[in-house]
C-alpha atoms as a PDB file:
ATOM      1  CA  MET A   1      -0.033  -0.133   0.151  1.00  0.00           C
ATOM      2  CA  SER A   2       1.733   3.598  -1.154  1.00  0.00           C
ATOM      3  CA  ARG A   3       2.037   5.870   1.407  1.00  0.00           C
ATOM      4  CA  HIS A   4      -0.632   8.368   0.021  1.00  0.00           C
ATOM      5  CA  ARG A   5      -3.462   5.842   0.135  1.00  0.00           C
ATOM      6  CA  LEU A   6      -2.502   5.017   3.924  1.00  0.00           C
ATOM      7  CA  LEU A   7      -2.738   8.596   4.708  1.00  0.00           C
ATOM      8  CA  LEU A   8      -6.434   8.760   3.135  1.00  0.00           C
ATOM      9  CA  ILE A   9      -7.292   5.983   5.175  1.00  0.00           C
ATOM     10  CA  VAL A  10      -5.939   6.926   8.401  1.00  0.00           C
ATOM     11  CA  SER A  11      -7.789  10.456   7.980  1.00  0.00           C
ATOM     12  CA  ALA A  12     -10.798   8.918   6.959  1.00  0.00           C
ATOM     13  CA  MET A  13     -10.611   6.819  10.172  1.00  0.00           C
ATOM     14  CA  ILE A  14      -9.527  10.250  12.557  1.00  0.00           C
ATOM     15  CA  ALA A  15     -12.552  12.383  10.953  1.00  0.00           C
ATOM     16  CA  LEU A  16     -15.259   9.680  11.238  1.00  0.00           C
ATOM     17  CA  PRO A  17     -15.593   9.292  15.513  1.00  0.00           C
ATOM     18  CA  PHE A  18     -16.230  13.196  15.113  1.00  0.00           C
ATOM     19  CA  PHE A  19     -19.099  13.189  13.232  1.00  0.00           C
ATOM     20  CA  LEU A  20     -20.511   9.757  14.322  1.00  0.00           C
ATOM     21  CA  MET A  21     -20.885  11.148  17.875  1.00  0.00           C
ATOM     22  CA  PRO A  22     -23.730  13.321  19.384  1.00  0.00           C
ATOM     23  CA  ALA A  23     -23.766  16.849  18.946  1.00  0.00           C
ATOM     24  CA  ILE A  24     -21.459  18.859  21.753  1.00  0.00           C
ATOM     25  CA  PRO A  25     -23.103  22.000  23.564  1.00  0.00           C
ATOM     26  CA  GLN A  26     -20.524  25.025  25.072  1.00  0.00           C
ATOM     27  CA  ASP A  27     -20.464  23.969  29.025  1.00  0.00           C
ATOM     28  CA  LEU A  28     -21.355  27.230  29.828  1.00  0.00           C
ATOM     29  CA  ASN A  29     -19.339  26.153  33.707  1.00  0.00           C
ATOM     30  CA  TYR A  30     -16.516  27.036  31.113  1.00  0.00           C
ATOM     31  CA  HIS A  31     -16.635  30.436  31.249  1.00  0.00           C
ATOM     32  CA  ASN A  32     -15.737  30.392  35.146  1.00  0.00           C
ATOM     33  CA  PHE A  33     -12.081  30.658  35.319  1.00  0.00           C
ATOM     34  CA  ALA A  34     -10.124  30.664  38.812  1.00  0.00           C
ATOM     35  CA  SER A  35      -8.516  33.318  38.543  1.00  0.00           C
ATOM     36  CA  GLU A  36     -10.884  37.057  38.459  1.00  0.00           C
ATOM     37  CA  GLU A  37      -8.354  38.821  40.094  1.00  0.00           C
ATOM     38  CA  GLN A  38      -8.500  42.890  38.357  1.00  0.00           C
ATOM     39  CA  LEU A  39      -4.905  44.763  38.387  1.00  0.00           C
ATOM     40  CA  TRP A  40      -4.336  47.660  37.281  1.00  0.00           C
ATOM     41  CA  GLY A  41      -8.188  47.903  36.067  1.00  0.00           C
ATOM     42  CA  ILE A  42      -7.913  44.897  33.829  1.00  0.00           C
ATOM     43  CA  PRO A  43     -10.565  42.514  34.766  1.00  0.00           C
ATOM     44  CA  ASN A  44      -9.371  38.481  34.882  1.00  0.00           C
ATOM     45  CA  PHE A  45      -5.568  40.325  35.102  1.00  0.00           C
ATOM     46  CA  TRP A  46      -3.288  36.943  34.636  1.00  0.00           C
ATOM     47  CA  ASN A  47      -6.010  35.012  32.169  1.00  0.00           C
ATOM     48  CA  VAL A  48      -6.099  37.982  30.194  1.00  0.00           C
ATOM     49  CA  MET A  49      -2.283  39.017  30.171  1.00  0.00           C
ATOM     50  CA  SER A  50      -1.025  35.518  29.846  1.00  0.00           C
ATOM     51  CA  ASN A  51      -1.453  35.630  26.293  1.00  0.00           C
ATOM     52  CA  LEU A  52       1.475  38.130  25.702  1.00  0.00           C
ATOM     53  CA  PRO A  53       4.012  35.202  25.101  1.00  0.00           C
ATOM     54  CA  PHE A  54       1.565  34.513  21.927  1.00  0.00           C
ATOM     55  CA  LEU A  55       2.229  37.922  20.469  1.00  0.00           C
ATOM     56  CA  PHE A  56       6.002  37.455  21.319  1.00  0.00           C
ATOM     57  CA  VAL A  57       6.793  33.963  19.506  1.00  0.00           C
ATOM     58  CA  SER A  58       4.477  35.069  16.439  1.00  0.00           C
ATOM     59  CA  ILE A  59       6.474  38.103  16.118  1.00  0.00           C
ATOM     60  CA  SER A  60       9.645  36.563  15.933  1.00  0.00           C
ATOM     61  CA  MET A  61       8.764  34.253  13.503  1.00  0.00           C
ATOM     62  CA  LEU A  62       7.057  36.273  10.490  1.00  0.00           C
ATOM     63  CA  LYS A  63      10.315  37.647  11.103  1.00  0.00           C
ATOM     64  CA  LYS A  64      13.019  34.918  10.884  1.00  0.00           C
ATOM     65  CA  LEU A  65      10.343  34.349   7.792  1.00  0.00           C
ATOM     66  CA  ARG A  66      10.949  37.564   5.636  1.00  0.00           C
ATOM     67  CA  PRO A  67      14.109  36.061   4.174  1.00  0.00           C
ATOM     68  CA  LEU A  68      11.988  32.659   3.256  1.00  0.00           C
ATOM     69  CA  ASN A  69      10.370  34.087   0.182  1.00  0.00           C
ATOM     70  CA  SER A  70       8.590  30.860  -0.456  1.00  0.00           C
ATOM     71  CA  PHE A  71       5.182  28.627  -0.416  1.00  0.00           C
ATOM     72  CA  TYR A  72       6.395  26.823   2.629  1.00  0.00           C
ATOM     73  CA  SER A  73       7.186  30.117   4.177  1.00  0.00           C
ATOM     74  CA  LYS A  74       3.707  31.518   3.183  1.00  0.00           C
ATOM     75  CA  MET A  75       2.109  27.977   5.496  1.00  0.00           C
ATOM     76  CA  GLY A  76       4.691  29.436   8.374  1.00  0.00           C
ATOM     77  CA  ALA A  77       2.931  32.578   7.725  1.00  0.00           C
ATOM     78  CA  VAL A  78      -0.073  31.413   8.272  1.00  0.00           C
ATOM     79  CA  PHE A  79       0.806  29.657  11.151  1.00  0.00           C
ATOM     80  CA  ALA A  80       1.869  32.910  12.768  1.00  0.00           C
ATOM     81  CA  LEU A  81      -0.122  35.046  12.040  1.00  0.00           C
ATOM     82  CA  GLY A  82      -3.572  32.518  13.732  1.00  0.00           C
ATOM     83  CA  VAL A  83      -0.753  32.400  16.541  1.00  0.00           C
ATOM     84  CA  LEU A  84      -0.895  36.610  16.528  1.00  0.00           C
ATOM     85  CA  PHE A  85      -4.581  37.025  16.624  1.00  0.00           C
ATOM     86  CA  THR A  86      -4.513  34.203  19.334  1.00  0.00           C
ATOM     87  CA  SER A  87      -3.179  36.888  21.284  1.00  0.00           C
ATOM     88  CA  PHE A  88      -5.425  39.569  20.825  1.00  0.00           C
ATOM     89  CA  GLY A  89      -8.575  37.241  20.578  1.00  0.00           C
ATOM     90  CA  SER A  90      -8.002  35.103  23.805  1.00  0.00           C
ATOM     91  CA  ALA A  91      -7.228  38.307  25.696  1.00  0.00           C
ATOM     92  CA  TYR A  92     -10.414  39.619  24.128  1.00  0.00           C
ATOM     93  CA  TYR A  93     -12.089  36.752  25.643  1.00  0.00           C
ATOM     94  CA  HIS A  94     -10.603  36.958  29.129  1.00  0.00           C
ATOM     95  CA  TYR A  95     -11.820  40.558  29.462  1.00  0.00           C
ATOM     96  CA  GLN A  96     -15.035  38.828  29.365  1.00  0.00           C
ATOM     97  CA  PRO A  97     -15.520  35.508  28.881  1.00  0.00           C
ATOM     98  CA  HIS A  98     -18.903  34.175  27.130  1.00  0.00           C
ATOM     99  CA  ASN A  99     -19.979  32.724  23.838  1.00  0.00           C
ATOM    100  CA  GLY A 100     -19.705  35.545  21.940  1.00  0.00           C
ATOM    101  CA  SER A 101     -16.100  36.783  22.816  1.00  0.00           C
ATOM    102  CA  LEU A 102     -15.064  32.928  22.756  1.00  0.00           C
ATOM    103  CA  PHE A 103     -15.911  32.781  18.976  1.00  0.00           C
ATOM    104  CA  TRP A 104     -13.050  35.463  18.935  1.00  0.00           C
ATOM    105  CA  ASP A 105     -10.922  33.579  20.571  1.00  0.00           C
ATOM    106  CA  ARG A 106     -11.252  30.207  18.918  1.00  0.00           C
ATOM    107  CA  LEU A 107     -11.281  31.702  15.159  1.00  0.00           C
ATOM    108  CA  PRO A 108      -7.644  32.657  15.229  1.00  0.00           C
ATOM    109  CA  MET A 109      -6.616  29.265  16.791  1.00  0.00           C
ATOM    110  CA  THR A 110      -8.070  27.442  13.798  1.00  0.00           C
ATOM    111  CA  ILE A 111      -6.081  29.458  11.635  1.00  0.00           C
ATOM    112  CA  ALA A 112      -3.160  28.056  13.716  1.00  0.00           C
ATOM    113  CA  PHE A 113      -3.960  25.077  13.081  1.00  0.00           C
ATOM    114  CA  SER A 114      -4.636  25.188   9.869  1.00  0.00           C
ATOM    115  CA  GLY A 115      -1.239  26.599   9.059  1.00  0.00           C
ATOM    116  CA  MET A 116       0.580  23.652  11.047  1.00  0.00           C
ATOM    117  CA  PHE A 117      -1.276  21.011   8.432  1.00  0.00           C
ATOM    118  CA  LEU A 118      -0.533  22.743   5.667  1.00  0.00           C
ATOM    119  CA  LEU A 119       3.133  23.039   6.110  1.00  0.00           C
ATOM    120  CA  LEU A 120       3.438  19.190   6.989  1.00  0.00           C
ATOM    121  CA  LEU A 121       1.024  18.483   4.351  1.00  0.00           C
ATOM    122  CA  GLY A 122       3.281  20.719   1.923  1.00  0.00           C
ATOM    123  CA  THR A 123       7.310  19.581   3.401  1.00  0.00           C
ATOM    124  CA  ARG A 124       6.625  16.074   3.974  1.00  0.00           C
ATOM    125  CA  VAL A 125       3.682  14.784   1.880  1.00  0.00           C
ATOM    126  CA  SER A 126       2.989  16.573  -1.277  1.00  0.00           C
ATOM    127  CA  LEU A 127       3.559  20.683  -2.200  1.00  0.00           C
ATOM    128  CA  ASN A 128       0.797  20.781  -5.231  1.00  0.00           C
ATOM    129  CA  SER A 129      -1.227  19.097  -2.478  1.00  0.00           C
ATOM    130  CA  ALA A 130      -0.934  21.813   0.095  1.00  0.00           C
ATOM    131  CA  LYS A 131      -1.620  24.282  -2.559  1.00  0.00           C
ATOM    132  CA  TRP A 132      -5.049  22.658  -3.443  1.00  0.00           C
ATOM    133  CA  LEU A 133      -5.664  22.092   0.052  1.00  0.00           C
ATOM    134  CA  LEU A 134      -4.822  25.923   1.103  1.00  0.00           C
ATOM    135  CA  ILE A 135      -8.030  27.455   0.781  1.00  0.00           C
ATOM    136  CA  PRO A 136     -10.254  24.459   1.572  1.00  0.00           C
ATOM    137  CA  VAL A 137      -8.654  24.116   4.771  1.00  0.00           C
ATOM    138  CA  LEU A 138      -8.613  27.579   6.019  1.00  0.00           C
ATOM    139  CA  SER A 139     -12.074  27.766   5.400  1.00  0.00           C
ATOM    140  CA  GLY A 140     -13.261  24.615   6.720  1.00  0.00           C
ATOM    141  CA  GLY A 141     -11.172  25.759  10.223  1.00  0.00           C
ATOM    142  CA  ILE A 142     -12.917  29.119   9.665  1.00  0.00           C
ATOM    143  CA  LEU A 143     -16.385  27.751   9.281  1.00  0.00           C
ATOM    144  CA  SER A 144     -16.469  25.142  12.048  1.00  0.00           C
ATOM    145  CA  VAL A 145     -16.246  28.050  14.106  1.00  0.00           C
ATOM    146  CA  VAL A 146     -18.653  29.916  13.084  1.00  0.00           C
ATOM    147  CA  TYR A 147     -21.094  26.994  12.472  1.00  0.00           C
ATOM    148  CA  TRP A 148     -20.474  26.232  16.838  1.00  0.00           C
ATOM    149  CA  ARG A 149     -21.544  29.869  17.443  1.00  0.00           C
ATOM    150  CA  TRP A 150     -24.314  29.425  14.953  1.00  0.00           C
ATOM    151  CA  THR A 151     -25.820  26.270  16.090  1.00  0.00           C
ATOM    152  CA  GLU A 152     -25.097  28.265  19.993  1.00  0.00           C
ATOM    153  CA  THR A 153     -27.751  31.137  19.069  1.00  0.00           C
ATOM    154  CA  LEU A 154     -30.222  28.497  18.206  1.00  0.00           C
ATOM    155  CA  GLY A 155     -30.440  26.914  21.225  1.00  0.00           C
ATOM    156  CA  ALA A 156     -28.535  23.683  19.748  1.00  0.00           C
ATOM    157  CA  GLY A 157     -24.400  23.966  19.716  1.00  0.00           C
ATOM    158  CA  ASP A 158     -22.547  21.754  18.257  1.00  0.00           C
ATOM    159  CA  LEU A 159     -18.483  21.918  18.776  1.00  0.00           C
ATOM    160  CA  ARG A 160     -17.892  18.236  16.717  1.00  0.00           C
ATOM    161  CA  PRO A 161     -16.938  20.714  13.404  1.00  0.00           C
ATOM    162  CA  TYR A 162     -14.214  22.467  15.665  1.00  0.00           C
ATOM    163  CA  ALA A 163     -13.154  19.606  17.969  1.00  0.00           C
ATOM    164  CA  TYR A 164     -12.325  18.207  14.553  1.00  0.00           C
ATOM    165  CA  ALA A 165     -10.285  21.591  13.418  1.00  0.00           C
ATOM    166  CA  GLN A 166      -8.441  21.401  16.392  1.00  0.00           C
ATOM    167  CA  PHE A 167      -7.774  17.464  17.509  1.00  0.00           C
ATOM    168  CA  GLY A 168      -8.385  16.338  14.491  1.00  0.00           C
ATOM    169  CA  THR A 169      -5.821  18.254  12.335  1.00  0.00           C
ATOM    170  CA  LEU A 170      -3.098  17.400  15.553  1.00  0.00           C
ATOM    171  CA  LEU A 171      -4.094  13.450  14.567  1.00  0.00           C
ATOM    172  CA  LEU A 172      -3.189  14.493  11.141  1.00  0.00           C
ATOM    173  CA  ILE A 173      -0.096  16.047  11.966  1.00  0.00           C
ATOM    174  CA  PHE A 174       0.928  13.213  14.400  1.00  0.00           C
ATOM    175  CA  ALA A 175       0.380  10.579  11.209  1.00  0.00           C
ATOM    176  CA  ILE A 176       1.944  12.286   8.500  1.00  0.00           C
ATOM    177  CA  LEU A 177       5.281  12.574  11.483  1.00  0.00           C
ATOM    178  CA  MET A 178       4.485   8.396  11.416  1.00  0.00           C
ATOM    179  CA  ILE A 179       3.797   7.896   7.912  1.00  0.00           C
ATOM    180  CA  TYR A 180       6.157   9.995   5.748  1.00  0.00           C
ATOM    181  CA  LYS A 181       9.323   9.642   8.543  1.00  0.00           C
ATOM    182  CA  VAL A 182      12.382  11.610   7.196  1.00  0.00           C
ATOM    183  CA  SER A 183      16.321  11.460   8.462  1.00  0.00           C
ATOM    184  CA  ARG A 184      15.897  14.784  10.299  1.00  0.00           C
ATOM    185  CA  VAL A 185      15.018  13.592  13.414  1.00  0.00           C
ATOM    186  CA  GLN A 186      16.393  17.033  15.457  1.00  0.00           C
ATOM    187  CA  GLN A 187      13.400  18.577  13.760  1.00  0.00           C
ATOM    188  CA  THR A 188      11.237  16.364  14.191  1.00  0.00           C
ATOM    189  CA  SER A 189      11.822  16.732  17.955  1.00  0.00           C
ATOM    190  CA  LYS A 190      11.187  20.079  18.361  1.00  0.00           C
ATOM    191  CA  ILE A 191       7.421  18.919  17.167  1.00  0.00           C
ATOM    192  CA  VAL A 192       6.822  16.102  19.479  1.00  0.00           C
ATOM    193  CA  LEU A 193       8.287  18.432  22.418  1.00  0.00           C
ATOM    194  CA  ALA A 194       5.071  21.039  20.791  1.00  0.00           C
ATOM    195  CA  PHE A 195       2.681  18.167  21.385  1.00  0.00           C
ATOM    196  CA  ILE A 196       3.824  17.140  24.864  1.00  0.00           C
ATOM    197  CA  LEU A 197       3.443  20.832  25.687  1.00  0.00           C
ATOM    198  CA  TYR A 198       0.756  21.710  24.256  1.00  0.00           C
ATOM    199  CA  ALA A 199      -0.996  18.182  25.596  1.00  0.00           C
ATOM    200  CA  PHE A 200       0.386  19.931  29.551  1.00  0.00           C
ATOM    201  CA  ALA A 201      -1.384  22.994  28.360  1.00  0.00           C
ATOM    202  CA  LYS A 202      -4.610  20.870  28.295  1.00  0.00           C
ATOM    203  CA  LEU A 203      -3.890  19.285  31.560  1.00  0.00           C
ATOM    204  CA  PHE A 204      -3.295  22.825  33.180  1.00  0.00           C
ATOM    205  CA  GLU A 205      -6.836  23.950  31.738  1.00  0.00           C
ATOM    206  CA  THR A 206      -9.076  21.199  32.927  1.00  0.00           C
ATOM    207  CA  PHE A 207      -7.419  21.880  36.214  1.00  0.00           C
ATOM    208  CA  ASP A 208      -7.507  25.357  36.449  1.00  0.00           C
ATOM    209  CA  HIS A 209      -9.490  25.253  39.705  1.00  0.00           C
ATOM    210  CA  GLN A 210      -7.148  22.818  41.608  1.00  0.00           C
ATOM    211  CA  ILE A 211      -3.893  24.630  40.696  1.00  0.00           C
ATOM    212  CA  TYR A 212      -5.903  27.826  42.359  1.00  0.00           C
ATOM    213  CA  SER A 213      -6.239  26.683  45.269  1.00  0.00           C
ATOM    214  CA  LEU A 214      -2.656  25.062  45.564  1.00  0.00           C
ATOM    215  CA  MET A 215      -0.934  28.102  44.535  1.00  0.00           C
ATOM    216  CA  GLY A 216      -3.914  31.039  45.992  1.00  0.00           C
ATOM    217  CA  PHE A 217      -3.310  33.487  43.864  1.00  0.00           C
ATOM    218  CA  CYS A 218      -2.908  32.352  39.665  1.00  0.00           C
ATOM    219  CA  GLY A 219      -5.255  29.288  38.312  1.00  0.00           C
ATOM    220  CA  GLY A 220      -4.422  26.723  35.887  1.00  0.00           C
ATOM    221  CA  HIS A 221      -5.464  28.857  32.651  1.00  0.00           C
ATOM    222  CA  PRO A 222      -2.865  31.317  32.674  1.00  0.00           C
ATOM    223  CA  ILE A 223      -0.174  28.731  33.123  1.00  0.00           C
ATOM    224  CA  LYS A 224      -2.079  26.729  30.378  1.00  0.00           C
ATOM    225  CA  HIS A 225      -1.378  30.242  28.093  1.00  0.00           C
ATOM    226  CA  PHE A 226       2.161  29.815  28.873  1.00  0.00           C
ATOM    227  CA  ALA A 227       2.545  26.427  27.816  1.00  0.00           C
ATOM    228  CA  ALA A 228       0.776  26.306  24.767  1.00  0.00           C
ATOM    229  CA  ALA A 229       2.933  29.433  23.684  1.00  0.00           C
ATOM    230  CA  ALA A 230       6.116  27.253  24.700  1.00  0.00           C
ATOM    231  CA  ALA A 231       4.353  24.612  22.182  1.00  0.00           C
ATOM    232  CA  ALA A 232       3.603  27.183  19.556  1.00  0.00           C
ATOM    233  CA  ALA A 233       7.463  28.258  19.876  1.00  0.00           C
ATOM    234  CA  ALA A 234       8.474  25.034  19.604  1.00  0.00           C
ATOM    235  CA  PHE A 235       6.978  24.406  16.269  1.00  0.00           C
ATOM    236  CA  ALA A 236       7.461  27.638  14.928  1.00  0.00           C
ATOM    237  CA  LYS A 237      11.449  26.885  15.499  1.00  0.00           C
ATOM    238  CA  PHE A 238      10.605  23.691  13.512  1.00  0.00           C
ATOM    239  CA  ALA A 239       9.106  24.936  10.856  1.00  0.00           C
ATOM    240  CA  ILE A 240      11.643  27.326  10.066  1.00  0.00           C
ATOM    241  CA  GLU A 241      14.274  24.546  10.150  1.00  0.00           C
ATOM    242  CA  GLU A 242      11.921  22.767   7.820  1.00  0.00           C
ATOM    243  CA  ILE A 243      11.402  25.368   5.480  1.00  0.00           C
ATOM    244  CA  GLN A 244      15.353  26.130   5.310  1.00  0.00           C
ATOM    245  CA  ALA A 245      15.660  22.466   4.465  1.00  0.00           C
ATOM    246  CA  GLN A 246      13.551  22.520   1.735  1.00  0.00           C
ATOM    247  CA  ARG A 247      14.932  25.270   0.263  1.00  0.00           C
ATOM    248  CA  HIS A 248      18.673  24.220   0.328  1.00  0.00           C
ATOM    249  CA  SER A 249      17.317  20.746  -1.076  1.00  0.00           C
ATOM    250  CA  ARG A 250      15.901  23.123  -3.992  1.00  0.00           C
ATOM    251  CA  LYS A 251      19.638  24.652  -4.217  1.00  0.00           C
ATOM    252  CA  THR A 252      21.187  21.502  -4.432  1.00  0.00           C
ATOM    253  CA  LYS A 253      18.772  19.867  -7.142  1.00  0.00           C
ATOM    254  CA  CYS A 254      19.139  23.430  -8.955  1.00  0.00           C
ATOM    255  CA  GLU A 255      23.308  23.096  -8.909  1.00  0.00           C
ATOM    256  CA  GLN A 256      22.808  19.413  -9.988  1.00  0.00           C
END
């Protein structure tokens, strides 16, 4: 069986459970974060200000991508811009948490995940496939959040497409790494680190109130932002090296 066919089969297997399960409405208790301190006139200060690392990571990556003019660097820029907008969208949401503001937190996250997937698809699987899927993947991620918000207004919220846009995409990236293995072990280790850090971020998010009980001033959610930003930084490092490797490969072929 070819690797391309195997990837298609695995992709279908990943997608199927997300759409066979019943609709998932937004749990309104999600908006009840442990850290609600107001400092310097900013409500929910720690949850708001802990989004700054996303801003620093995205700006640093965009600067490094500027001289790397290629389609791959454009996919890296999609990821970096998603992270950049997440810093503002998440800060806006945490300033006043509710479903309406949560929309602006989740929307840029789908852009970042789309950029991650497209970059891996282009560098490890097929550049043409990444080019063809650019608009569908980005549109699908954005529409998953639009669909969720629309269903919430109808009183029948459904997070399944958004869950797929986030976790399904991560599983697809993992599948690409497993199926299309390369010799660049150090680069791959960076994306593995990104996965580990993101898993820790989700744990900090889950145990927000318990961590607040232990620390007394800061819950798990602000720490989640730092862990997620560290994951973004690890992927950014991987992406830059991956793009540079592709550039070097093309240059070598031209010289031959």
